[in-house]
Amino acid sequence: MSETLPPKTCSIDRLITVEEDIQKVLNGTKSAQRRNGRYADPGEIMELNGRSFEVYNVYRQSLGELTDAQAQAEGFESLEAYKQYILSMHPGMPWSANMKVWVHEFRPIA
């Protein structure tokens, strides 16, 4: 039984906006995006540079649960590299293992 998700806090077109991240999605090295809010529903389609990607899984996760494999799905070589990137994007924000984020997993549509 799937859990009922709360309303989205933003639209799917705002899920991935950093050009470096868009390129990672397009070249196949990024298949997940973590956000403080929920930007998509499972089954929703994201368009990036004329290509379509289906969001197939959306769930909550604490930063302390994040694994190296999940950081690699975000397009980084390791959890530490992902952590440094996130902290550089949000100056002054501490990395809190208890902080909950929304995970959006997606795949290209052929």
N, C-alpha and C. Protein backbone atom coordinates (compact mmCIF):
# COMPACT_ATOMS: atom_id res chain seq x y z
N MET A 1 0.85 -1.19 0.00
CA MET A 1 0.00 0.00 0.00
C MET A 1 0.89 1.24 0.00
N SER A 2 0.67 2.14 -0.94
CA SER A 2 1.51 3.34 -1.01
C SER A 2 0.98 4.41 -0.07
N GLU A 3 1.91 5.17 0.46
CA GLU A 3 1.51 6.22 1.40
C GLU A 3 0.90 7.39 0.64
N THR A 4 0.00 8.10 1.27
CA THR A 4 -0.58 9.29 0.69
C THR A 4 0.40 10.43 0.88
N LEU A 5 0.76 11.08 -0.21
CA LEU A 5 1.72 12.17 -0.16
C LEU A 5 1.01 13.49 0.13
N PRO A 6 1.67 14.39 0.87
CA PRO A 6 1.08 15.71 1.09
C PRO A 6 1.11 16.53 -0.20
N PRO A 7 0.42 17.64 -0.24
CA PRO A 7 0.43 18.47 -1.45
C PRO A 7 1.86 18.91 -1.82
N LYS A 8 2.06 19.08 -3.12
CA LYS A 8 3.37 19.56 -3.59
C LYS A 8 3.59 20.99 -3.06
N THR A 9 4.86 21.31 -2.83
CA THR A 9 5.20 22.66 -2.37
C THR A 9 5.74 23.52 -3.50
N CYS A 10 6.02 22.91 -4.65
CA CYS A 10 6.55 23.63 -5.80
C CYS A 10 6.22 22.80 -7.04
N SER A 11 6.44 23.36 -8.22
CA SER A 11 6.11 22.63 -9.45
C SER A 11 7.32 21.88 -9.99
N ILE A 12 7.05 20.85 -10.76
CA ILE A 12 8.10 19.98 -11.27
C ILE A 12 9.12 20.75 -12.12
N ASP A 13 8.69 21.83 -12.77
CA ASP A 13 9.65 22.57 -13.60
C ASP A 13 10.72 23.29 -12.78
N ARG A 14 10.58 23.31 -11.46
CA ARG A 14 11.59 23.91 -10.58
C ARG A 14 12.44 22.83 -9.89
N LEU A 15 12.20 21.55 -10.20
CA LEU A 15 12.91 20.47 -9.53
C LEU A 15 14.42 20.54 -9.78
N ILE A 16 14.81 20.69 -11.03
CA ILE A 16 16.24 20.77 -11.38
C ILE A 16 16.44 22.01 -12.22
N THR A 17 17.16 22.98 -11.66
CA THR A 17 17.33 24.26 -12.35
C THR A 17 18.80 24.66 -12.54
N VAL A 18 19.72 24.04 -11.81
CA VAL A 18 21.15 24.36 -11.93
C VAL A 18 21.67 23.68 -13.20
N GLU A 19 22.30 24.47 -14.07
CA GLU A 19 22.75 23.95 -15.37
C GLU A 19 23.65 22.72 -15.23
N GLU A 20 24.54 22.72 -14.27
CA GLU A 20 25.43 21.57 -14.05
C GLU A 20 24.61 20.31 -13.75
N ASP A 21 23.55 20.45 -12.96
CA ASP A 21 22.69 19.31 -12.64
C ASP A 21 21.89 18.87 -13.86
N ILE A 22 21.41 19.82 -14.65
CA ILE A 22 20.67 19.48 -15.88
C ILE A 22 21.56 18.64 -16.79
N GLN A 23 22.83 19.05 -16.93
CA GLN A 23 23.76 18.30 -17.79
C GLN A 23 23.99 16.89 -17.25
N LYS A 24 24.06 16.74 -15.94
CA LYS A 24 24.23 15.40 -15.34
C LYS A 24 23.02 14.51 -15.66
N VAL A 25 21.82 15.08 -15.61
CA VAL A 25 20.62 14.31 -15.96
C VAL A 25 20.70 13.90 -17.43
N LEU A 26 21.01 14.85 -18.30
CA LEU A 26 21.03 14.58 -19.73
C LEU A 26 22.09 13.56 -20.11
N ASN A 27 23.24 13.55 -19.39
CA ASN A 27 24.28 12.58 -19.74
C ASN A 27 24.15 11.27 -18.97
N GLY A 28 23.10 11.15 -18.15
CA GLY A 28 22.80 9.88 -17.49
C GLY A 28 23.50 9.63 -16.17
N THR A 29 24.16 10.64 -15.61
CA THR A 29 24.86 10.44 -14.33
C THR A 29 24.06 10.91 -13.13
N LYS A 30 22.87 11.44 -13.35
CA LYS A 30 22.01 11.90 -12.26
C LYS A 30 20.61 11.36 -12.47
N SER A 31 20.09 10.64 -11.45
CA SER A 31 18.74 10.06 -11.58
C SER A 31 17.90 10.31 -10.33
N ALA A 32 18.37 11.25 -9.47
CA ALA A 32 17.63 11.60 -8.26
C ALA A 32 17.89 13.05 -7.90
N GLN A 33 16.92 13.66 -7.24
CA GLN A 33 17.06 15.04 -6.77
C GLN A 33 16.40 15.15 -5.40
N ARG A 34 17.16 15.65 -4.44
CA ARG A 34 16.63 15.88 -3.10
C ARG A 34 16.31 17.36 -2.94
N ARG A 35 15.17 17.62 -2.31
CA ARG A 35 14.71 18.99 -2.08
C ARG A 35 14.06 19.05 -0.71
N ASN A 36 14.00 20.27 -0.15
CA ASN A 36 13.31 20.46 1.13
C ASN A 36 11.81 20.27 0.97
N GLY A 37 11.30 20.58 -0.21
CA GLY A 37 9.87 20.43 -0.47
C GLY A 37 9.61 19.34 -1.49
N ARG A 38 8.33 19.08 -1.71
CA ARG A 38 7.92 18.06 -2.69
C ARG A 38 7.56 18.76 -3.99
N TYR A 39 8.29 18.42 -5.06
CA TYR A 39 8.16 19.11 -6.35
C TYR A 39 7.44 18.29 -7.41
N ALA A 40 7.20 17.01 -7.15
CA ALA A 40 6.59 16.17 -8.19
C ALA A 40 5.83 15.02 -7.55
N ASP A 41 4.89 14.49 -8.33
CA ASP A 41 4.16 13.28 -7.98
C ASP A 41 4.73 12.13 -8.79
N PRO A 42 4.69 10.91 -8.26
CA PRO A 42 5.08 9.76 -9.08
C PRO A 42 4.24 9.72 -10.35
N GLY A 43 4.90 9.46 -11.48
CA GLY A 43 4.22 9.44 -12.77
C GLY A 43 4.27 10.76 -13.50
N GLU A 44 4.66 11.82 -12.82
CA GLU A 44 4.75 13.13 -13.46
C GLU A 44 5.96 13.18 -14.39
N ILE A 45 5.85 13.97 -15.45
CA ILE A 45 6.91 14.07 -16.46
C ILE A 45 7.65 15.39 -16.32
N MET A 46 8.99 15.29 -16.29
CA MET A 46 9.87 16.46 -16.22
C MET A 46 10.50 16.63 -17.60
N GLU A 47 10.50 17.85 -18.10
CA GLU A 47 11.11 18.15 -19.39
C GLU A 47 12.40 18.94 -19.15
N LEU A 48 13.50 18.45 -19.74
CA LEU A 48 14.79 19.15 -19.66
C LEU A 48 15.41 19.20 -21.06
N ASN A 49 15.58 20.39 -21.59
CA ASN A 49 16.21 20.57 -22.91
C ASN A 49 15.58 19.67 -23.96
N GLY A 50 14.26 19.57 -23.97
CA GLY A 50 13.56 18.80 -24.98
C GLY A 50 13.50 17.31 -24.73
N ARG A 51 14.04 16.84 -23.62
CA ARG A 51 13.99 15.42 -23.28
C ARG A 51 13.05 15.22 -22.10
N SER A 52 12.41 14.06 -22.06
CA SER A 52 11.41 13.78 -21.02
C SER A 52 11.93 12.74 -20.04
N PHE A 53 11.60 12.97 -18.77
CA PHE A 53 11.99 12.08 -17.68
C PHE A 53 10.77 11.86 -16.79
N GLU A 54 10.53 10.60 -16.43
CA GLU A 54 9.40 10.27 -15.56
C GLU A 54 9.87 10.17 -14.12
N VAL A 55 9.19 10.89 -13.24
CA VAL A 55 9.43 10.73 -11.81
C VAL A 55 8.69 9.46 -11.40
N TYR A 56 9.42 8.46 -10.91
CA TYR A 56 8.78 7.19 -10.57
C TYR A 56 8.73 6.91 -9.08
N ASN A 57 9.44 7.70 -8.28
CA ASN A 57 9.43 7.46 -6.83
C ASN A 57 9.65 8.78 -6.11
N VAL A 58 8.85 9.03 -5.08
CA VAL A 58 8.98 10.23 -4.26
C VAL A 58 8.80 9.79 -2.81
N TYR A 59 9.80 10.11 -1.97
CA TYR A 59 9.72 9.71 -0.56
C TYR A 59 10.58 10.63 0.30
N ARG A 60 10.35 10.57 1.61
CA ARG A 60 11.12 11.36 2.59
C ARG A 60 12.31 10.55 3.08
N GLN A 61 13.38 11.25 3.38
CA GLN A 61 14.59 10.62 3.88
C GLN A 61 15.35 11.64 4.72
N SER A 62 15.98 11.17 5.79
CA SER A 62 16.84 12.08 6.55
C SER A 62 18.23 12.08 5.92
N LEU A 63 18.93 13.19 6.05
CA LEU A 63 20.28 13.28 5.47
C LEU A 63 21.20 12.22 6.07
N GLY A 64 20.97 11.84 7.31
CA GLY A 64 21.79 10.83 7.95
C GLY A 64 21.62 9.44 7.36
N GLU A 65 20.53 9.21 6.62
CA GLU A 65 20.28 7.91 5.98
C GLU A 65 20.94 7.80 4.61
N LEU A 66 21.41 8.92 4.07
CA LEU A 66 21.97 8.97 2.72
C LEU A 66 23.21 8.09 2.60
N THR A 67 23.27 7.30 1.53
CA THR A 67 24.40 6.41 1.28
C THR A 67 25.26 6.93 0.12
N ASP A 68 26.45 6.35 -0.02
CA ASP A 68 27.30 6.71 -1.16
C ASP A 68 26.57 6.42 -2.47
N ALA A 69 25.87 5.28 -2.55
CA ALA A 69 25.15 4.92 -3.78
C ALA A 69 24.07 5.96 -4.11
N GLN A 70 23.39 6.46 -3.09
CA GLN A 70 22.36 7.48 -3.32
C GLN A 70 23.00 8.81 -3.74
N ALA A 71 24.17 9.13 -3.18
CA ALA A 71 24.88 10.34 -3.60
C ALA A 71 25.33 10.20 -5.05
N GLN A 72 25.69 9.00 -5.44
CA GLN A 72 26.07 8.76 -6.84
C GLN A 72 24.88 8.93 -7.76
N ALA A 73 23.68 8.54 -7.32
CA ALA A 73 22.47 8.76 -8.12
C ALA A 73 22.18 10.25 -8.26
N GLU A 74 22.70 11.06 -7.32
CA GLU A 74 22.58 12.51 -7.40
C GLU A 74 23.64 13.11 -8.34
N GLY A 75 24.56 12.26 -8.81
CA GLY A 75 25.58 12.72 -9.76
C GLY A 75 26.92 13.04 -9.13
N PHE A 76 27.16 12.53 -7.93
CA PHE A 76 28.42 12.81 -7.22
C PHE A 76 29.17 11.51 -6.97
N GLU A 77 30.50 11.60 -6.86
CA GLU A 77 31.31 10.39 -6.68
C GLU A 77 31.16 9.77 -5.30
N SER A 78 30.76 10.59 -4.31
CA SER A 78 30.65 10.08 -2.94
C SER A 78 29.68 10.93 -2.14
N LEU A 79 29.31 10.40 -0.99
CA LEU A 79 28.45 11.15 -0.07
C LEU A 79 29.14 12.44 0.37
N GLU A 80 30.42 12.39 0.63
CA GLU A 80 31.16 13.58 1.06
C GLU A 80 31.15 14.66 -0.03
N ALA A 81 31.32 14.26 -1.30
CA ALA A 81 31.28 15.23 -2.41
C ALA A 81 29.90 15.87 -2.51
N TYR A 82 28.84 15.06 -2.34
CA TYR A 82 27.48 15.59 -2.37
C TYR A 82 27.26 16.56 -1.22
N LYS A 83 27.71 16.18 -0.04
CA LYS A 83 27.55 17.03 1.15
C LYS A 83 28.23 18.38 0.94
N GLN A 84 29.46 18.38 0.41
CA GLN A 84 30.18 19.64 0.19
C GLN A 84 29.47 20.51 -0.85
N TYR A 85 28.91 19.88 -1.87
CA TYR A 85 28.16 20.62 -2.89
C TYR A 85 26.93 21.29 -2.27
N ILE A 86 26.16 20.54 -1.49
CA ILE A 86 24.95 21.09 -0.87
C ILE A 86 25.31 22.24 0.06
N LEU A 87 26.35 22.08 0.87
CA LEU A 87 26.75 23.14 1.79
C LEU A 87 27.24 24.37 1.04
N SER A 88 27.85 24.19 -0.13
CA SER A 88 28.31 25.34 -0.93
C SER A 88 27.13 26.08 -1.54
N MET A 89 26.03 25.36 -1.80
CA MET A 89 24.83 25.98 -2.38
C MET A 89 24.02 26.75 -1.32
N HIS A 90 24.20 26.38 -0.06
CA HIS A 90 23.43 26.98 1.03
C HIS A 90 24.38 27.45 2.13
N PRO A 91 25.09 28.57 1.88
CA PRO A 91 26.07 29.07 2.86
C PRO A 91 25.45 29.25 4.25
N GLY A 92 26.16 28.77 5.26
CA GLY A 92 25.70 28.92 6.63
C GLY A 92 24.78 27.82 7.10
N MET A 93 24.31 26.98 6.19
CA MET A 93 23.41 25.89 6.57
C MET A 93 24.25 24.74 7.14
N PRO A 94 23.90 24.25 8.29
CA PRO A 94 24.62 23.08 8.82
C PRO A 94 24.11 21.80 8.16
N TRP A 95 24.93 20.78 8.09
CA TRP A 95 24.50 19.46 7.63
C TRP A 95 23.96 18.73 8.84
N SER A 96 22.67 18.56 8.90
CA SER A 96 22.02 17.91 10.03
C SER A 96 21.54 16.53 9.63
N ALA A 97 22.07 15.50 10.29
CA ALA A 97 21.69 14.12 9.98
C ALA A 97 20.18 13.90 10.15
N ASN A 98 19.55 14.66 11.03
CA ASN A 98 18.11 14.51 11.28
C ASN A 98 17.23 15.25 10.28
N MET A 99 17.82 16.16 9.48
CA MET A 99 17.03 16.95 8.54
C MET A 99 16.39 16.04 7.50
N LYS A 100 15.07 16.18 7.34
CA LYS A 100 14.33 15.38 6.36
C LYS A 100 14.23 16.14 5.05
N VAL A 101 14.44 15.40 3.95
CA VAL A 101 14.30 15.97 2.62
C VAL A 101 13.39 15.06 1.80
N TRP A 102 12.91 15.59 0.68
CA TRP A 102 12.11 14.81 -0.26
C TRP A 102 13.03 14.31 -1.36
N VAL A 103 12.98 13.01 -1.61
CA VAL A 103 13.75 12.40 -2.68
C VAL A 103 12.83 12.21 -3.89
N HIS A 104 13.31 12.66 -5.05
CA HIS A 104 12.57 12.49 -6.31
C HIS A 104 13.47 11.65 -7.21
N GLU A 105 13.05 10.43 -7.52
CA GLU A 105 13.83 9.56 -8.40
C GLU A 105 13.15 9.54 -9.77
N PHE A 106 13.95 9.61 -10.83
CA PHE A 106 13.41 9.72 -12.19
C PHE A 106 14.24 8.91 -13.16
N ARG A 107 13.63 8.66 -14.34
CA ARG A 107 14.30 7.92 -15.40
C ARG A 107 13.89 8.52 -16.75
N PRO A 108 14.77 8.38 -17.74
CA PRO A 108 14.43 8.91 -19.06
C PRO A 108 13.28 8.13 -19.69
N ILE A 109 12.51 8.81 -20.50
CA ILE A 109 11.44 8.18 -21.27
C ILE A 109 11.98 8.02 -22.68
N ALA A 110 11.96 6.81 -23.19
CA ALA A 110 12.53 6.51 -24.52
C ALA A 110 11.77 7.23 -25.62
